[in-house]
C-alpha cells in the first residue's frame, strides 16, 4: 500500500492482537490491487478463532459484534475511517470458525494515503508506484522508525503468548498479496502465485516484517494479445496454405497413369530392364 499505509494498518492489526493477548490461531490477510490509472484497492482481514473471541469479550449476547465494535473503536482505525470517508468500509467477518473484521479501501490514490499518514504524524516508508511503457513498478523503502515500532509490537505479542518471535508465525495464517492487471515479471519479495501469475504473495511473517525495501514489476495489462489485424492476416495465410495443399493434391490426382508411373520410377535406372519403356 503506498506511503507505508499497508505497514501501518498491519501494525494496527498487531496492536489489536497485543490488546487481546490471546494464544491461538489468527488470520491476517492483506491484498493490494493496482490499476493502470494509478489508483488501487486494498483489503485486510483480521480474524481469530471463535472460542478465543468469546473468552476475551466476556459473557455478551453477540461476541462477534463486540469484537467488531472494539476493533472499530481503535483510535487509529477510526481516524482512517473519518479521513477516507466512503472510500473505506469496515465489516464484521464470521467464517470457517473465525471471527474478525474486514477493512476495504476502494479507488484510493497514493496522494490520499500520504495525506492520511502525514495528518496523523505516522512514520511511513517511501512507496512509489510508476506506470510507464506497459508496466507497473512498485518500489518500497521502509522507514527505520516504523520498522522498529513493528519489531516492538511483535516482541510484545510474542511475550504475551509466551514464545519467541520466530515461533509466532506458526500461530498466524499470514498472506500479503500484491495483484496487478497483467503478469508479474519480477519481484524481490515473496513469490509469484503459481495459480495467478498476476499476483505476488508473501506468507513469511519474518520476511514481511524485515523487508527494508523491495521492488515488483508487472504488466499493466495493456498488452493483452495480438490485434484483430494480425488475427486476420494469420487467418488469410492459413487459408492460402490450405488452398495450396489442396491444389497440389488435385493436380496429382489428375495425372495420367503413364505419367504417374514414370514419376514413380527411379530417376536413374540401375538395370536395362528398368530403362525399358513402359508397356503401352
Protein backbone atom coordinates (compact mmCIF):
# COMPACT_ATOMS: atom_id res chain seq x y z
CA UNK A 1 0.00 0.00 0.00
CA UNK A 2 1.56 3.36 -0.96
CA UNK A 3 3.33 5.60 1.54
CA UNK A 4 3.55 2.95 4.21
CA UNK A 5 -0.20 2.74 4.87
CA UNK A 6 -0.12 -1.03 4.46
CA UNK A 7 2.59 -1.44 7.06
CA UNK A 8 0.74 0.98 9.33
CA UNK A 9 -2.51 -0.97 9.07
CA UNK A 10 -0.64 -4.22 9.67
CA UNK A 11 0.88 -2.59 12.76
CA UNK A 12 -2.65 -1.74 13.92
CA UNK A 13 -3.59 -5.38 13.47
CA UNK A 14 -0.63 -6.50 15.55
CA UNK A 15 -1.59 -3.92 18.17
CA UNK A 16 -5.06 -5.44 18.31
CA UNK A 17 -3.51 -8.86 18.89
CA UNK A 18 -1.45 -7.43 21.73
CA UNK A 19 -4.57 -5.84 23.23
CA UNK A 20 -6.43 -9.13 23.32
CA UNK A 21 -3.31 -11.05 24.41
CA UNK A 22 -4.53 -14.34 23.02
CA UNK A 23 -2.78 -17.62 22.35
CA UNK A 24 -4.36 -19.41 19.43
CA UNK A 25 -4.96 -19.22 15.70
CA UNK A 26 -5.14 -15.89 13.88
CA UNK A 27 -5.71 -14.88 10.29
CA UNK A 28 -4.10 -11.76 8.87
CA UNK A 29 -4.50 -11.28 5.13
CA UNK A 30 -3.98 -8.19 3.02
CA UNK A 31 -4.25 -7.50 -0.70
CA UNK A 32 -3.27 -4.51 -2.79
CA UNK A 33 -4.90 -4.43 -6.23
CA UNK A 34 -3.15 -1.99 -8.58
CA UNK A 35 -4.81 -0.36 -11.58
CA UNK A 36 -3.25 1.08 -14.74
CA UNK A 37 -4.68 4.54 -13.93
CA UNK A 38 -2.54 4.76 -10.79
CA UNK A 39 -5.31 4.01 -8.28
CA UNK A 40 -5.53 0.92 -6.11
CA UNK A 41 -7.88 -1.10 -3.94
CA UNK A 42 -6.86 -2.51 -0.58
CA UNK A 43 -8.38 -5.20 1.63
CA UNK A 44 -7.34 -6.50 5.03
CA UNK A 45 -8.83 -9.35 7.05
CA UNK A 46 -8.09 -9.75 10.77
CA UNK A 47 -9.72 -12.77 12.43
CA UNK A 48 -9.26 -15.31 15.21
CA UNK A 49 -10.92 -18.49 16.44
CA UNK A 50 -14.50 -18.04 17.68
CA UNK A 51 -13.70 -19.69 21.02
CA UNK A 52 -10.88 -17.25 21.69
CA UNK A 53 -13.06 -14.27 20.82
CA UNK A 54 -15.74 -15.47 23.25
CA UNK A 55 -13.15 -15.87 26.03
CA UNK A 56 -11.87 -12.34 25.61
CA UNK A 57 -15.03 -10.29 25.13
CA UNK A 58 -16.77 -11.95 28.04
CA UNK A 59 -20.35 -13.04 28.54
CA UNK A 60 -22.11 -10.99 25.89
CA UNK A 61 -25.03 -11.81 23.62
CA UNK A 62 -23.04 -11.40 20.39
CA UNK A 63 -19.28 -11.97 20.84
CA UNK A 64 -18.60 -11.30 17.16
CA UNK A 65 -20.28 -7.91 17.23
CA UNK A 66 -18.49 -7.00 20.45
CA UNK A 67 -15.16 -7.90 18.87
CA UNK A 68 -16.03 -5.78 15.82
CA UNK A 69 -17.06 -2.81 17.96
CA UNK A 70 -13.81 -2.92 19.94
CA UNK A 71 -11.70 -3.14 16.76
CA UNK A 72 -13.53 -0.20 15.14
CA UNK A 73 -13.13 1.84 18.33
CA UNK A 74 -9.33 1.69 17.99
CA UNK A 75 -8.24 5.35 17.54
CA UNK A 76 -6.06 4.60 14.54
CA UNK A 77 -8.82 2.68 12.78
CA UNK A 78 -11.49 5.30 13.47
CA UNK A 79 -9.19 8.11 12.27
CA UNK A 80 -8.62 6.27 8.99
CA UNK A 81 -12.37 5.82 8.53
CA UNK A 82 -13.06 9.51 9.22
CA UNK A 83 -10.45 10.76 6.76
CA UNK A 84 -11.12 8.33 3.93
CA UNK A 85 -14.91 8.58 4.11
CA UNK A 86 -16.79 6.49 1.56
CA UNK A 87 -13.53 5.08 0.20
CA UNK A 88 -13.21 2.95 3.33
CA UNK A 89 -15.56 0.30 4.67
CA UNK A 90 -15.41 -1.77 7.86
CA UNK A 91 -17.36 -5.04 8.04
CA UNK A 92 -17.65 -7.81 10.61
CA UNK A 93 -16.31 -11.18 9.47
CA UNK A 94 -17.52 -14.63 10.52
CA UNK A 95 -16.47 -17.69 8.53
CA UNK A 96 -14.70 -21.05 8.93
CA UNK A 97 -14.91 -20.91 12.72
CA UNK A 98 -13.25 -17.49 12.96
CA UNK A 99 -14.49 -14.03 13.83
CA UNK A 100 -12.93 -10.75 12.84
CA UNK A 101 -13.06 -7.56 10.79
CA UNK A 102 -12.69 -6.88 7.07
CA UNK A 103 -11.27 -3.49 6.05
CA UNK A 104 -11.51 -2.35 2.43
CA UNK A 105 -10.31 0.78 0.63
CA UNK A 106 -11.56 1.41 -2.90
CA UNK A 107 -10.13 3.60 -5.69
CA UNK A 108 -7.66 5.38 -3.43
CA UNK A 109 -4.60 7.21 -4.70
CA UNK A 110 -1.04 7.31 -3.36
CA UNK A 111 -1.60 11.00 -2.57
CA UNK A 112 -4.62 10.22 -0.37
CA UNK A 113 -2.68 7.64 1.58
CA UNK A 114 0.24 10.04 2.00
CA UNK A 115 -2.12 12.72 3.31
CA UNK A 116 -3.62 10.32 5.85
CA UNK A 117 -0.18 9.37 7.18
CA UNK A 118 1.02 12.98 7.22
CA UNK A 119 -2.05 14.27 9.07
CA UNK A 120 -1.55 11.67 11.81
CA UNK A 121 2.19 12.17 12.04
CA UNK A 122 2.76 8.47 11.46
CA UNK A 123 6.18 7.33 10.25
CA UNK A 124 5.88 5.93 6.76
CA UNK A 125 8.05 4.19 4.22
CA UNK A 126 8.65 5.63 0.78
CA UNK A 127 6.49 3.65 -1.66
CA UNK A 128 6.31 4.63 -5.32
CA UNK A 129 4.00 3.20 -7.97
CA UNK A 130 5.09 4.01 -11.53
CA UNK A 131 3.01 3.24 -14.62
CA UNK A 132 5.03 3.51 -17.84
CA UNK A 133 5.84 1.56 -21.01
CA UNK A 134 3.13 -1.00 -20.37
CA UNK A 135 4.42 -1.82 -16.88
CA UNK A 136 3.56 -1.07 -13.26
CA UNK A 137 6.58 -0.83 -10.96
CA UNK A 138 6.20 -0.87 -7.19
CA UNK A 139 9.25 0.37 -5.27
CA UNK A 140 9.18 0.33 -1.48
CA UNK A 141 11.77 1.55 1.02
CA UNK A 142 10.82 1.14 4.69
CA UNK A 143 11.07 3.82 7.32
CA UNK A 144 13.52 2.70 10.05
CA UNK A 145 11.32 4.09 12.83
CA UNK A 146 8.28 2.25 11.53
CA UNK A 147 10.23 -1.00 11.31
CA UNK A 148 11.42 -0.52 14.88
CA UNK A 149 7.82 0.03 16.03
CA UNK A 150 6.72 -3.14 14.27
CA UNK A 151 9.55 -5.12 15.83
CA UNK A 152 8.47 -3.86 19.23
CA UNK A 153 4.82 -4.79 18.58
CA UNK A 154 5.80 -8.29 17.51
CA UNK A 155 8.01 -8.67 20.57
CA UNK A 156 5.14 -7.65 22.86
CA UNK A 157 2.73 -10.09 21.24
CA UNK A 158 5.28 -12.93 21.37
CA UNK A 159 5.99 -12.22 25.03
CA UNK A 160 2.29 -12.22 25.93
CA UNK A 161 1.89 -15.52 24.13
CA UNK A 162 4.91 -16.98 25.96
CA UNK A 163 7.05 -17.75 22.91
CA UNK A 164 9.87 -16.35 20.83
CA UNK A 165 9.18 -14.19 17.78
CA UNK A 166 10.29 -16.90 15.33
CA UNK A 167 7.57 -19.22 16.67
CA UNK A 168 4.87 -16.55 16.39
CA UNK A 169 4.35 -17.14 12.68
CA UNK A 170 3.07 -20.65 13.42
CA UNK A 171 0.04 -19.07 15.10
CA UNK A 172 -0.73 -16.60 12.32
CA UNK A 173 -2.20 -17.50 8.95
CA UNK A 174 -0.46 -14.70 7.07
CA UNK A 175 -0.85 -13.74 3.45
CA UNK A 176 0.13 -10.38 1.96
CA UNK A 177 -0.74 -10.15 -1.73
CA UNK A 178 0.05 -7.63 -4.49
CA UNK A 179 -2.14 -8.07 -7.58
CA UNK A 180 -1.65 -6.35 -10.95
CA UNK A 181 -3.65 -6.12 -14.21
CA UNK A 182 -1.09 -8.29 -16.03
CA UNK A 183 1.55 -10.92 -15.24
CA UNK A 184 4.33 -10.19 -12.73
CA UNK A 185 7.71 -10.00 -14.45
CA UNK A 186 9.97 -9.83 -11.38
CA UNK A 187 9.85 -9.45 -7.61
CA UNK A 188 12.40 -9.14 -4.82
CA UNK A 189 9.95 -10.23 -2.11
CA UNK A 190 7.65 -13.21 -1.75
CA UNK A 191 6.85 -15.44 -4.71
CA UNK A 192 4.72 -15.22 -7.84
CA UNK A 193 1.47 -17.09 -7.18
CA UNK A 194 1.59 -20.26 -9.34
CA UNK A 195 -2.22 -20.15 -9.61
CA UNK A 196 -2.33 -16.46 -10.52
CA UNK A 197 0.71 -15.06 -12.38
CA UNK A 198 -0.63 -11.52 -11.83
CA UNK A 199 -0.02 -11.77 -8.06
CA UNK A 200 2.91 -11.78 -5.66
CA UNK A 201 2.21 -13.47 -2.33
CA UNK A 202 4.15 -13.15 0.93
CA UNK A 203 3.42 -15.73 3.62
CA UNK A 204 6.53 -15.44 5.80
CA UNK A 205 5.96 -13.06 8.73
CA UNK A 206 9.69 -12.52 9.27
CA UNK A 207 10.27 -11.72 5.60
CA UNK A 208 7.44 -9.18 5.56
CA UNK A 209 8.49 -7.56 8.82
CA UNK A 210 12.20 -7.38 7.94
CA UNK A 211 11.76 -6.13 4.35
CA UNK A 212 13.72 -2.88 4.28
CA UNK A 213 12.99 -2.49 0.58
CA UNK A 214 11.53 -4.39 -2.33
CA UNK A 215 10.56 -3.95 -5.98
CA UNK A 216 7.82 -5.63 -8.01
CA UNK A 217 7.47 -5.16 -11.78
CA UNK A 218 4.33 -6.32 -13.61
CA UNK A 219 2.43 -5.71 -16.83
CA UNK A 220 -0.27 -3.05 -16.71
CA UNK A 221 -2.50 -5.30 -18.82
CA UNK A 222 -2.41 -3.08 -21.92
CA UNK A 223 -0.62 -5.73 -23.98
CA UNK A 224 -3.36 -8.30 -23.91
CA UNK A 225 -2.53 -10.13 -27.16
CA UNK A 226 -2.43 -9.78 -30.95
CA UNK A 227 -4.67 -7.16 -32.54
CA UNK A 228 -7.55 -8.08 -34.84
CA UNK A 229 -5.46 -7.03 -37.87
CA UNK A 230 -2.83 -9.66 -37.07
CA UNK A 231 -5.52 -12.25 -36.44
CA UNK A 232 -7.00 -11.51 -39.90
CA UNK A 233 -3.58 -11.76 -41.58
CA UNK A 234 -2.86 -15.09 -39.90
CA UNK A 235 -6.29 -16.38 -40.96
CA UNK A 236 -5.66 -15.38 -44.59
CA UNK A 237 -2.26 -17.07 -44.53
CA UNK A 238 -3.84 -20.23 -43.18
CA UNK A 239 -6.43 -20.18 -45.98
CA UNK A 240 -3.68 -19.67 -48.59
CA UNK A 241 -1.63 -22.58 -47.25
CA UNK A 242 -4.61 -24.91 -47.16
CA UNK A 243 -5.60 -23.81 -50.67
CA UNK A 244 -2.10 -24.53 -51.98
CA UNK A 245 -2.09 -28.01 -50.46
CA UNK A 246 -5.48 -28.79 -51.97
CA UNK A 247 -4.32 -27.57 -55.40
CA UNK A 248 -1.28 -29.87 -55.31
CA UNK A 249 -3.38 -32.86 -54.32
CA UNK A 250 -5.89 -32.19 -57.09
CA UNK A 251 -3.08 -31.81 -59.63
CA UNK A 252 -1.51 -35.10 -58.62
CA UNK A 253 -4.84 -36.89 -58.79
CA UNK A 254 -5.33 -35.78 -62.42
CA UNK A 255 -2.04 -37.19 -63.76
CA UNK A 256 -2.24 -39.95 -66.38
CA UNK A 257 -1.30 -43.48 -65.29
CA UNK A 258 1.74 -43.45 -67.57
CA UNK A 259 2.99 -40.15 -66.23
CA UNK A 260 2.48 -41.28 -62.69
CA UNK A 261 4.38 -44.49 -63.39
CA UNK A 262 7.31 -42.60 -64.90
CA UNK A 263 7.45 -40.22 -61.95
CA UNK A 264 7.34 -43.10 -59.53
CA UNK A 265 10.38 -44.79 -61.12
CA UNK A 266 13.94 -44.16 -60.00
CA UNK A 267 15.47 -41.09 -61.61
CA UNK A 268 18.49 -43.13 -62.76
CA UNK A 269 17.68 -46.77 -63.69
CA UNK A 270 20.09 -49.33 -62.37
CA UNK A 271 19.33 -52.08 -64.97
CA UNK A 272 18.41 -52.42 -68.63
CA UNK A 273 15.03 -53.80 -67.61
CA UNK A 274 14.34 -50.69 -65.55
CA UNK A 275 15.35 -48.50 -68.51
CA UNK A 276 12.96 -50.12 -70.99
CA UNK A 277 9.95 -48.02 -72.00
CA UNK A 278 6.71 -48.73 -70.23
CA UNK A 279 4.41 -51.11 -71.99
CA UNK A 280 1.58 -49.32 -73.71
